[in-house]
Amino acid sequence: MNAIAITPANADNPDLIALYESAFPKEEQIPYPDLEGLIDKMNLDFRAWYEGEQFVGLTIVYRRADLNWFWYFAVKAELRGRGYGQSILERLTAAHADKPLILDIESPRQPAANREQRQHRYGFYLRNGFRDTGVGKSFEGIDYTILMAGDGTFTQQDYDDILQSLRRFWSRMPEEQDD
Protein backbone atom coordinates (compact mmCIF):
# COMPACT_ATOMS: atom_id res chain seq x y z
CA MET A 1 0.00 0.00 0.00
CA ASN A 2 1.34 3.43 -0.87
CA ALA A 3 0.24 6.98 -0.12
CA ILE A 4 0.37 10.04 -2.30
CA ALA A 5 0.55 13.42 -0.60
CA ILE A 6 -2.30 15.62 -1.73
CA THR A 7 -1.40 19.24 -2.39
CA PRO A 8 -3.39 22.06 -3.96
CA ALA A 9 -1.75 21.07 -7.27
CA ASN A 10 -3.14 17.49 -7.30
CA ALA A 11 -6.25 17.78 -5.11
CA ASP A 12 -8.62 17.86 -8.08
CA ASN A 13 -8.91 14.06 -8.14
CA PRO A 14 -12.42 12.74 -8.97
CA ASP A 15 -11.97 9.52 -6.91
CA LEU A 16 -10.78 11.49 -3.91
CA ILE A 17 -13.58 14.04 -4.15
CA ALA A 18 -16.25 11.36 -4.58
CA LEU A 19 -15.07 9.41 -1.53
CA TYR A 20 -14.76 12.54 0.60
CA GLU A 21 -18.25 13.73 -0.31
CA SER A 22 -19.89 10.31 0.14
CA ALA A 23 -18.13 9.03 3.26
CA PHE A 24 -18.86 11.89 5.66
CA PRO A 25 -22.12 13.54 6.63
CA LYS A 26 -22.55 16.88 4.88
CA GLU A 27 -22.60 18.74 8.20
CA GLU A 28 -19.16 17.30 9.06
CA GLN A 29 -17.55 18.24 5.76
CA ILE A 30 -15.49 21.28 4.96
CA PRO A 31 -16.64 22.04 1.38
CA TYR A 32 -14.04 20.37 -0.83
CA PRO A 33 -12.97 23.54 -2.68
CA ASP A 34 -12.37 25.19 0.72
CA LEU A 35 -10.48 22.11 1.91
CA GLU A 36 -8.13 22.36 -1.07
CA GLY A 37 -7.29 25.91 -0.03
CA LEU A 38 -6.57 24.85 3.56
CA ILE A 39 -3.99 22.15 2.77
CA ASP A 40 -1.02 24.50 3.07
CA LYS A 41 -2.61 27.17 5.27
CA MET A 42 -3.37 24.67 8.04
CA ASN A 43 -0.44 22.28 7.57
CA LEU A 44 -2.75 19.39 6.67
CA ASP A 45 -1.30 15.97 5.96
CA PHE A 46 -3.75 14.96 3.22
CA ARG A 47 -3.06 11.57 1.63
CA ALA A 48 -4.67 9.40 -1.00
CA TRP A 49 -4.00 5.70 -0.41
CA TYR A 50 -3.50 3.16 -3.20
CA GLU A 51 -3.02 -0.56 -3.53
CA GLY A 52 -1.04 -0.66 -6.75
CA GLU A 53 -3.05 1.53 -9.12
CA GLN A 54 -6.34 1.08 -7.23
CA PHE A 55 -7.52 4.04 -5.14
CA VAL A 56 -8.40 2.72 -1.68
CA GLY A 57 -8.97 5.63 0.67
CA LEU A 58 -8.05 8.98 2.10
CA THR A 59 -6.77 10.47 5.33
CA ILE A 60 -6.46 14.06 6.53
CA VAL A 61 -4.48 14.93 9.63
CA TYR A 62 -4.30 18.46 11.03
CA ARG A 63 -0.71 18.78 12.28
CA ARG A 64 -0.32 20.98 15.32
CA ALA A 65 2.69 21.77 17.53
CA ASP A 66 1.26 19.77 20.44
CA LEU A 67 -0.67 16.97 18.73
CA ASN A 68 -2.02 15.65 15.45
CA TRP A 69 -5.79 15.78 14.94
CA PHE A 70 -7.01 12.93 12.70
CA TRP A 71 -9.81 14.77 10.88
CA TYR A 72 -10.90 12.44 8.11
CA PHE A 73 -10.35 8.77 7.32
CA ALA A 74 -12.29 6.76 4.76
CA VAL A 75 -11.89 3.58 2.77
CA LYS A 76 -14.01 3.05 -0.34
CA ALA A 77 -17.22 1.27 0.68
CA GLU A 78 -16.65 -1.73 -1.61
CA LEU A 79 -13.17 -2.29 -0.12
CA ARG A 80 -14.08 -2.14 3.57
CA GLY A 81 -13.53 -5.27 5.65
CA ARG A 82 -10.46 -6.34 3.65
CA GLY A 83 -7.76 -5.02 5.98
CA TYR A 84 -7.09 -1.79 4.09
CA GLY A 85 -8.30 0.39 6.95
CA GLN A 86 -6.04 -1.35 9.45
CA SER A 87 -3.06 -1.11 7.10
CA ILE A 88 -3.66 2.61 6.50
CA LEU A 89 -4.12 3.27 10.19
CA GLU A 90 -0.88 1.44 11.08
CA ARG A 91 1.06 3.51 8.55
CA LEU A 92 -0.58 6.74 9.61
CA THR A 93 0.02 6.23 13.33
CA ALA A 94 3.66 5.35 12.60
CA ALA A 95 4.05 8.50 10.48
CA HIS A 96 2.64 10.62 13.31
CA ALA A 97 4.23 8.80 16.26
CA ASP A 98 6.12 11.94 17.32
CA LYS A 99 2.97 13.41 18.94
CA PRO A 100 -0.34 12.11 20.23
CA LEU A 101 -2.87 11.38 17.48
CA ILE A 102 -6.39 12.47 18.41
CA LEU A 103 -9.66 11.73 16.64
CA ASP A 104 -13.34 12.09 17.27
CA ILE A 105 -16.02 9.60 16.29
CA GLU A 106 -19.77 9.48 16.67
CA SER A 107 -20.39 8.16 20.16
CA PRO A 108 -21.04 4.42 20.29
CA ARG A 109 -23.13 5.01 23.41
CA GLN A 110 -25.64 7.48 21.96
CA PRO A 111 -28.89 5.93 20.73
CA ALA A 112 -28.87 6.30 16.95
CA ALA A 113 -30.04 4.53 13.81
CA ASN A 114 -26.40 3.69 13.01
CA ARG A 115 -25.42 2.67 16.55
CA GLU A 116 -24.08 -0.73 15.44
CA GLN A 117 -21.86 0.97 12.86
CA ARG A 118 -20.63 3.40 15.52
CA GLN A 119 -19.82 0.54 17.91
CA HIS A 120 -17.96 -1.30 15.16
CA ARG A 121 -15.92 1.82 14.34
CA TYR A 122 -15.17 2.39 18.04
CA GLY A 123 -13.97 -1.21 18.41
CA PHE A 124 -11.82 -0.87 15.27
CA TYR A 125 -9.94 2.07 16.73
CA LEU A 126 -9.54 0.44 20.14
CA ARG A 127 -8.15 -2.73 18.50
CA ASN A 128 -5.70 -0.55 16.60
CA GLY A 129 -4.04 1.25 19.49
CA PHE A 130 -6.42 4.09 20.29
CA ARG A 131 -7.95 4.61 23.71
CA ASP A 132 -11.03 6.47 24.89
CA THR A 133 -10.00 9.75 26.55
CA GLY A 134 -13.30 10.17 28.36
CA VAL A 135 -13.66 13.53 26.61
CA GLY A 136 -16.65 14.17 24.42
CA LYS A 137 -18.55 16.87 22.63
CA SER A 138 -21.94 17.39 21.06
CA PHE A 139 -22.55 19.00 17.69
CA GLU A 140 -25.96 19.41 16.11
CA GLY A 141 -27.48 16.67 18.28
CA ILE A 142 -24.70 14.16 17.70
CA ASP A 143 -22.43 13.11 20.56
CA TYR A 144 -18.78 12.54 19.73
CA THR A 145 -16.17 10.54 21.63
CA ILE A 146 -12.53 11.62 21.56
CA LEU A 147 -9.97 8.81 21.10
CA MET A 148 -6.20 9.03 21.33
CA ALA A 149 -3.13 7.08 20.24
CA GLY A 150 0.27 7.83 21.73
CA ASP A 151 1.53 8.97 25.09
CA GLY A 152 -0.04 11.53 27.35
CA THR A 153 -3.55 12.57 28.20
CA PHE A 154 -6.22 14.62 26.50
CA THR A 155 -8.63 16.71 28.54
CA GLN A 156 -11.72 18.77 27.91
CA GLN A 157 -9.49 21.85 28.33
CA ASP A 158 -7.19 20.54 25.58
CA TYR A 159 -10.21 20.17 23.33
CA ASP A 160 -11.50 23.65 24.21
CA ASP A 161 -8.04 25.08 23.42
CA ILE A 162 -8.08 23.45 19.98
CA LEU A 163 -11.55 24.82 19.27
CA GLN A 164 -10.44 28.30 20.33
CA SER A 165 -7.41 28.08 18.07
CA LEU A 166 -9.59 26.97 15.14
CA ARG A 167 -12.04 29.83 15.79
CA ARG A 168 -9.16 32.31 15.68
CA PHE A 169 -7.89 30.74 12.44
CA TRP A 170 -11.33 30.88 10.78
CA SER A 171 -11.90 34.46 11.89
CA ARG A 172 -8.70 35.51 10.08
CA MET A 173 -9.72 33.78 6.83
CA PRO A 174 -10.74 36.29 4.16
CA GLU A 175 -14.32 36.14 2.99
CA GLU A 176 -14.83 34.71 -0.47
CA GLN A 177 -15.23 37.41 -3.06
CA ASP A 178 -18.10 37.26 -5.54
CA ASP A 179 -16.89 37.46 -9.14
C-alpha atoms as a PDB file:
ATOM      1  CA  MET A   1       0.000   0.000   0.000  1.00  0.00           C
ATOM      2  CA  ASN A   2       1.341   3.434  -0.866  1.00  0.00           C
ATOM      3  CA  ALA A   3       0.236   6.977  -0.118  1.00  0.00           C
ATOM      4  CA  ILE A   4       0.372  10.038  -2.300  1.00  0.00           C
ATOM      5  CA  ALA A   5       0.554  13.416  -0.596  1.00  0.00           C
ATOM      6  CA  ILE A   6      -2.300  15.621  -1.725  1.00  0.00           C
ATOM      7  CA  THR A   7      -1.397  19.241  -2.394  1.00  0.00           C
ATOM      8  CA  PRO A   8      -3.393  22.057  -3.960  1.00  0.00           C
ATOM      9  CA  ALA A   9      -1.749  21.069  -7.269  1.00  0.00           C
ATOM     10  CA  ASN A  10      -3.142  17.490  -7.304  1.00  0.00           C
ATOM     11  CA  ALA A  11      -6.251  17.779  -5.108  1.00  0.00           C
ATOM     12  CA  ASP A  12      -8.622  17.856  -8.077  1.00  0.00           C
ATOM     13  CA  ASN A  13      -8.915  14.058  -8.143  1.00  0.00           C
ATOM     14  CA  PRO A  14     -12.417  12.741  -8.970  1.00  0.00           C
ATOM     15  CA  ASP A  15     -11.970   9.524  -6.911  1.00  0.00           C
ATOM     16  CA  LEU A  16     -10.777  11.485  -3.909  1.00  0.00           C
ATOM     17  CA  ILE A  17     -13.579  14.045  -4.149  1.00  0.00           C
ATOM     18  CA  ALA A  18     -16.255  11.356  -4.583  1.00  0.00           C
ATOM     19  CA  LEU A  19     -15.069   9.412  -1.528  1.00  0.00           C
ATOM     20  CA  TYR A  20     -14.761  12.536   0.604  1.00  0.00           C
ATOM     21  CA  GLU A  21     -18.252  13.727  -0.310  1.00  0.00           C
ATOM     22  CA  SER A  22     -19.888  10.312   0.136  1.00  0.00           C
ATOM     23  CA  ALA A  23     -18.131   9.030   3.263  1.00  0.00           C
ATOM     24  CA  PHE A  24     -18.859  11.891   5.655  1.00  0.00           C
ATOM     25  CA  PRO A  25     -22.119  13.539   6.634  1.00  0.00           C
ATOM     26  CA  LYS A  26     -22.546  16.880   4.881  1.00  0.00           C
ATOM     27  CA  GLU A  27     -22.595  18.744   8.203  1.00  0.00           C
ATOM     28  CA  GLU A  28     -19.159  17.297   9.064  1.00  0.00           C
ATOM     29  CA  GLN A  29     -17.545  18.242   5.760  1.00  0.00           C
ATOM     30  CA  ILE A  30     -15.492  21.284   4.960  1.00  0.00           C
ATOM     31  CA  PRO A  31     -16.638  22.042   1.385  1.00  0.00           C
ATOM     32  CA  TYR A  32     -14.044  20.372  -0.832  1.00  0.00           C
ATOM     33  CA  PRO A  33     -12.975  23.543  -2.683  1.00  0.00           C
ATOM     34  CA  ASP A  34     -12.368  25.185   0.723  1.00  0.00           C
ATOM     35  CA  LEU A  35     -10.483  22.113   1.911  1.00  0.00           C
ATOM     36  CA  GLU A  36      -8.130  22.356  -1.068  1.00  0.00           C
ATOM     37  CA  GLY A  37      -7.287  25.908  -0.026  1.00  0.00           C
ATOM     38  CA  LEU A  38      -6.565  24.845   3.557  1.00  0.00           C
ATOM     39  CA  ILE A  39      -3.992  22.147   2.772  1.00  0.00           C
ATOM     40  CA  ASP A  40      -1.022  24.498   3.065  1.00  0.00           C
ATOM     41  CA  LYS A  41      -2.607  27.166   5.275  1.00  0.00           C
ATOM     42  CA  MET A  42      -3.373  24.667   8.041  1.00  0.00           C
ATOM     43  CA  ASN A  43      -0.444  22.277   7.570  1.00  0.00           C
ATOM     44  CA  LEU A  44      -2.751  19.388   6.672  1.00  0.00           C
ATOM     45  CA  ASP A  45      -1.301  15.966   5.960  1.00  0.00           C
ATOM     46  CA  PHE A  46      -3.754  14.965   3.224  1.00  0.00           C
ATOM     47  CA  ARG A  47      -3.063  11.568   1.633  1.00  0.00           C
ATOM     48  CA  ALA A  48      -4.673   9.399  -0.999  1.00  0.00           C
ATOM     49  CA  TRP A  49      -4.004   5.699  -0.413  1.00  0.00           C
ATOM     50  CA  TYR A  50      -3.503   3.163  -3.201  1.00  0.00           C
ATOM     51  CA  GLU A  51      -3.020  -0.563  -3.534  1.00  0.00           C
ATOM     52  CA  GLY A  52      -1.039  -0.659  -6.754  1.00  0.00           C
ATOM     53  CA  GLU A  53      -3.055   1.530  -9.120  1.00  0.00           C
ATOM     54  CA  GLN A  54      -6.338   1.083  -7.231  1.00  0.00           C
ATOM     55  CA  PHE A  55      -7.520   4.038  -5.145  1.00  0.00           C
ATOM     56  CA  VAL A  56      -8.396   2.718  -1.677  1.00  0.00           C
ATOM     57  CA  GLY A  57      -8.974   5.627   0.666  1.00  0.00           C
ATOM     58  CA  LEU A  58      -8.048   8.977   2.104  1.00  0.00           C
ATOM     59  CA  THR A  59      -6.768  10.468   5.328  1.00  0.00           C
ATOM     60  CA  ILE A  60      -6.465  14.057   6.525  1.00  0.00           C
ATOM     61  CA  VAL A  61      -4.482  14.930   9.628  1.00  0.00           C
ATOM     62  CA  TYR A  62      -4.296  18.457  11.031  1.00  0.00           C
ATOM     63  CA  ARG A  63      -0.714  18.782  12.276  1.00  0.00           C
ATOM     64  CA  ARG A  64      -0.318  20.984  15.323  1.00  0.00           C
ATOM     65  CA  ALA A  65       2.685  21.772  17.530  1.00  0.00           C
ATOM     66  CA  ASP A  66       1.256  19.767  20.444  1.00  0.00           C
ATOM     67  CA  LEU A  67      -0.675  16.967  18.726  1.00  0.00           C
ATOM     68  CA  ASN A  68      -2.017  15.650  15.453  1.00  0.00           C
ATOM     69  CA  TRP A  69      -5.787  15.782  14.940  1.00  0.00           C
ATOM     70  CA  PHE A  70      -7.010  12.934  12.700  1.00  0.00           C
ATOM     71  CA  TRP A  71      -9.807  14.773  10.881  1.00  0.00           C
ATOM     72  CA  TYR A  72     -10.902  12.438   8.114  1.00  0.00           C
ATOM     73  CA  PHE A  73     -10.348   8.774   7.318  1.00  0.00           C
ATOM     74  CA  ALA A  74     -12.294   6.764   4.764  1.00  0.00           C
ATOM     75  CA  VAL A  75     -11.886   3.579   2.767  1.00  0.00           C
ATOM     76  CA  LYS A  76     -14.011   3.053  -0.335  1.00  0.00           C
ATOM     77  CA  ALA A  77     -17.222   1.270   0.676  1.00  0.00           C
ATOM     78  CA  GLU A  78     -16.649  -1.733  -1.606  1.00  0.00           C
ATOM     79  CA  LEU A  79     -13.165  -2.288  -0.124  1.00  0.00           C
ATOM     80  CA  ARG A  80     -14.077  -2.140   3.573  1.00  0.00           C
ATOM     81  CA  GLY A  81     -13.533  -5.270   5.651  1.00  0.00           C
ATOM     82  CA  ARG A  82     -10.460  -6.342   3.653  1.00  0.00           C
ATOM     83  CA  GLY A  83      -7.764  -5.017   5.977  1.00  0.00           C
ATOM     84  CA  TYR A  84      -7.092  -1.789   4.095  1.00  0.00           C
ATOM     85  CA  GLY A  85      -8.296   0.394   6.955  1.00  0.00           C
ATOM     86  CA  GLN A  86      -6.038  -1.345   9.447  1.00  0.00           C
ATOM     87  CA  SER A  87      -3.063  -1.106   7.096  1.00  0.00           C
ATOM     88  CA  ILE A  88      -3.658   2.614   6.495  1.00  0.00           C
ATOM     89  CA  LEU A  89      -4.125   3.272  10.194  1.00  0.00           C
ATOM     90  CA  GLU A  90      -0.883   1.445  11.079  1.00  0.00           C
ATOM     91  CA  ARG A  91       1.059   3.507   8.552  1.00  0.00           C
ATOM     92  CA  LEU A  92      -0.582   6.744   9.605  1.00  0.00           C
ATOM     93  CA  THR A  93       0.020   6.233  13.333  1.00  0.00           C
ATOM     94  CA  ALA A  94       3.656   5.352  12.599  1.00  0.00           C
ATOM     95  CA  ALA A  95       4.050   8.496  10.483  1.00  0.00           C
ATOM     96  CA  HIS A  96       2.642  10.619  13.310  1.00  0.00           C
ATOM     97  CA  ALA A  97       4.229   8.801  16.261  1.00  0.00           C
ATOM     98  CA  ASP A  98       6.119  11.939  17.323  1.00  0.00           C
ATOM     99  CA  LYS A  99       2.975  13.407  18.940  1.00  0.00           C
ATOM    100  CA  PRO A 100      -0.342  12.105  20.229  1.00  0.00           C
ATOM    101  CA  LEU A 101      -2.874  11.379  17.482  1.00  0.00           C
ATOM    102  CA  ILE A 102      -6.389  12.474  18.412  1.00  0.00           C
ATOM    103  CA  LEU A 103      -9.658  11.728  16.640  1.00  0.00           C
ATOM    104  CA  ASP A 104     -13.345  12.086  17.274  1.00  0.00           C
ATOM    105  CA  ILE A 105     -16.019   9.603  16.292  1.00  0.00           C
ATOM    106  CA  GLU A 106     -19.771   9.476  16.667  1.00  0.00           C
ATOM    107  CA  SER A 107     -20.390   8.162  20.159  1.00  0.00           C
ATOM    108  CA  PRO A 108     -21.039   4.419  20.293  1.00  0.00           C
ATOM    109  CA  ARG A 109     -23.134   5.011  23.414  1.00  0.00           C
ATOM    110  CA  GLN A 110     -25.644   7.481  21.964  1.00  0.00           C
ATOM    111  CA  PRO A 111     -28.894   5.931  20.729  1.00  0.00           C
ATOM    112  CA  ALA A 112     -28.870   6.299  16.951  1.00  0.00           C
ATOM    113  CA  ALA A 113     -30.043   4.532  13.807  1.00  0.00           C
ATOM    114  CA  ASN A 114     -26.402   3.687  13.014  1.00  0.00           C
ATOM    115  CA  ARG A 115     -25.415   2.669  16.547  1.00  0.00           C
ATOM    116  CA  GLU A 116     -24.080  -0.730  15.440  1.00  0.00           C
ATOM    117  CA  GLN A 117     -21.859   0.970  12.857  1.00  0.00           C
ATOM    118  CA  ARG A 118     -20.628   3.403  15.520  1.00  0.00           C
ATOM    119  CA  GLN A 119     -19.818   0.544  17.908  1.00  0.00           C
ATOM    120  CA  HIS A 120     -17.963  -1.301  15.158  1.00  0.00           C
ATOM    121  CA  ARG A 121     -15.920   1.823  14.336  1.00  0.00           C
ATOM    122  CA  TYR A 122     -15.168   2.392  18.036  1.00  0.00           C
ATOM    123  CA  GLY A 123     -13.966  -1.209  18.411  1.00  0.00           C
ATOM    124  CA  PHE A 124     -11.824  -0.870  15.272  1.00  0.00           C
ATOM    125  CA  TYR A 125      -9.942   2.072  16.733  1.00  0.00           C
ATOM    126  CA  LEU A 126      -9.538   0.435  20.143  1.00  0.00           C
ATOM    127  CA  ARG A 127      -8.146  -2.731  18.497  1.00  0.00           C
ATOM    128  CA  ASN A 128      -5.697  -0.554  16.600  1.00  0.00           C
ATOM    129  CA  GLY A 129      -4.043   1.246  19.486  1.00  0.00           C
ATOM    130  CA  PHE A 130      -6.416   4.089  20.293  1.00  0.00           C
ATOM    131  CA  ARG A 131      -7.952   4.611  23.709  1.00  0.00           C
ATOM    132  CA  ASP A 132     -11.025   6.468  24.890  1.00  0.00           C
ATOM    133  CA  THR A 133     -10.000   9.750  26.550  1.00  0.00           C
ATOM    134  CA  GLY A 134     -13.302  10.171  28.359  1.00  0.00           C
ATOM    135  CA  VAL A 135     -13.656  13.533  26.610  1.00  0.00           C
ATOM    136  CA  GLY A 136     -16.649  14.167  24.415  1.00  0.00           C
ATOM    137  CA  LYS A 137     -18.548  16.868  22.626  1.00  0.00           C
ATOM    138  CA  SER A 138     -21.940  17.393  21.060  1.00  0.00           C
ATOM    139  CA  PHE A 139     -22.545  18.999  17.693  1.00  0.00           C
ATOM    140  CA  GLU A 140     -25.960  19.407  16.106  1.00  0.00           C
ATOM    141  CA  GLY A 141     -27.479  16.670  18.280  1.00  0.00           C
ATOM    142  CA  ILE A 142     -24.695  14.157  17.702  1.00  0.00           C
ATOM    143  CA  ASP A 143     -22.428  13.111  20.558  1.00  0.00           C
ATOM    144  CA  TYR A 144     -18.778  12.540  19.733  1.00  0.00           C
ATOM    145  CA  THR A 145     -16.173  10.541  21.635  1.00  0.00           C
ATOM    146  CA  ILE A 146     -12.532  11.618  21.563  1.00  0.00           C
ATOM    147  CA  LEU A 147      -9.975   8.810  21.103  1.00  0.00           C
ATOM    148  CA  MET A 148      -6.202   9.031  21.332  1.00  0.00           C
ATOM    149  CA  ALA A 149      -3.130   7.079  20.245  1.00  0.00           C
ATOM    150  CA  GLY A 150       0.266   7.831  21.733  1.00  0.00           C
ATOM    151  CA  ASP A 151       1.528   8.975  25.086  1.00  0.00           C
ATOM    152  CA  GLY A 152      -0.044  11.531  27.353  1.00  0.00           C
ATOM    153  CA  THR A 153      -3.548  12.572  28.197  1.00  0.00           C
ATOM    154  CA  PHE A 154      -6.225  14.620  26.499  1.00  0.00           C
ATOM    155  CA  THR A 155      -8.631  16.706  28.544  1.00  0.00           C
ATOM    156  CA  GLN A 156     -11.718  18.773  27.914  1.00  0.00           C
ATOM    157  CA  GLN A 157      -9.493  21.853  28.334  1.00  0.00           C
ATOM    158  CA  ASP A 158      -7.191  20.539  25.583  1.00  0.00           C
ATOM    159  CA  TYR A 159     -10.207  20.175  23.331  1.00  0.00           C
ATOM    160  CA  ASP A 160     -11.500  23.653  24.213  1.00  0.00           C
ATOM    161  CA  ASP A 161      -8.038  25.084  23.419  1.00  0.00           C
ATOM    162  CA  ILE A 162      -8.084  23.449  19.978  1.00  0.00           C
ATOM    163  CA  LEU A 163     -11.548  24.818  19.270  1.00  0.00           C
ATOM    164  CA  GLN A 164     -10.444  28.300  20.331  1.00  0.00           C
ATOM    165  CA  SER A 165      -7.412  28.082  18.074  1.00  0.00           C
ATOM    166  CA  LEU A 166      -9.588  26.970  15.144  1.00  0.00           C
ATOM    167  CA  ARG A 167     -12.041  29.825  15.791  1.00  0.00           C
ATOM    168  CA  ARG A 168      -9.156  32.311  15.680  1.00  0.00           C
ATOM    169  CA  PHE A 169      -7.893  30.739  12.441  1.00  0.00           C
ATOM    170  CA  TRP A 170     -11.325  30.876  10.776  1.00  0.00           C
ATOM    171  CA  SER A 171     -11.897  34.462  11.893  1.00  0.00           C
ATOM    172  CA  ARG A 172      -8.703  35.512  10.080  1.00  0.00           C
ATOM    173  CA  MET A 173      -9.717  33.781   6.833  1.00  0.00           C
ATOM    174  CA  PRO A 174     -10.740  36.287   4.159  1.00  0.00           C
ATOM    175  CA  GLU A 175     -14.321  36.144   2.994  1.00  0.00           C
ATOM    176  CA  GLU A 176     -14.833  34.707  -0.473  1.00  0.00           C
ATOM    177  CA  GLN A 177     -15.233  37.414  -3.064  1.00  0.00           C
ATOM    178  CA  ASP A 178     -18.097  37.260  -5.544  1.00  0.00           C
ATOM    179  CA  ASP A 179     -16.886  37.461  -9.139  1.00  0.00           C
END
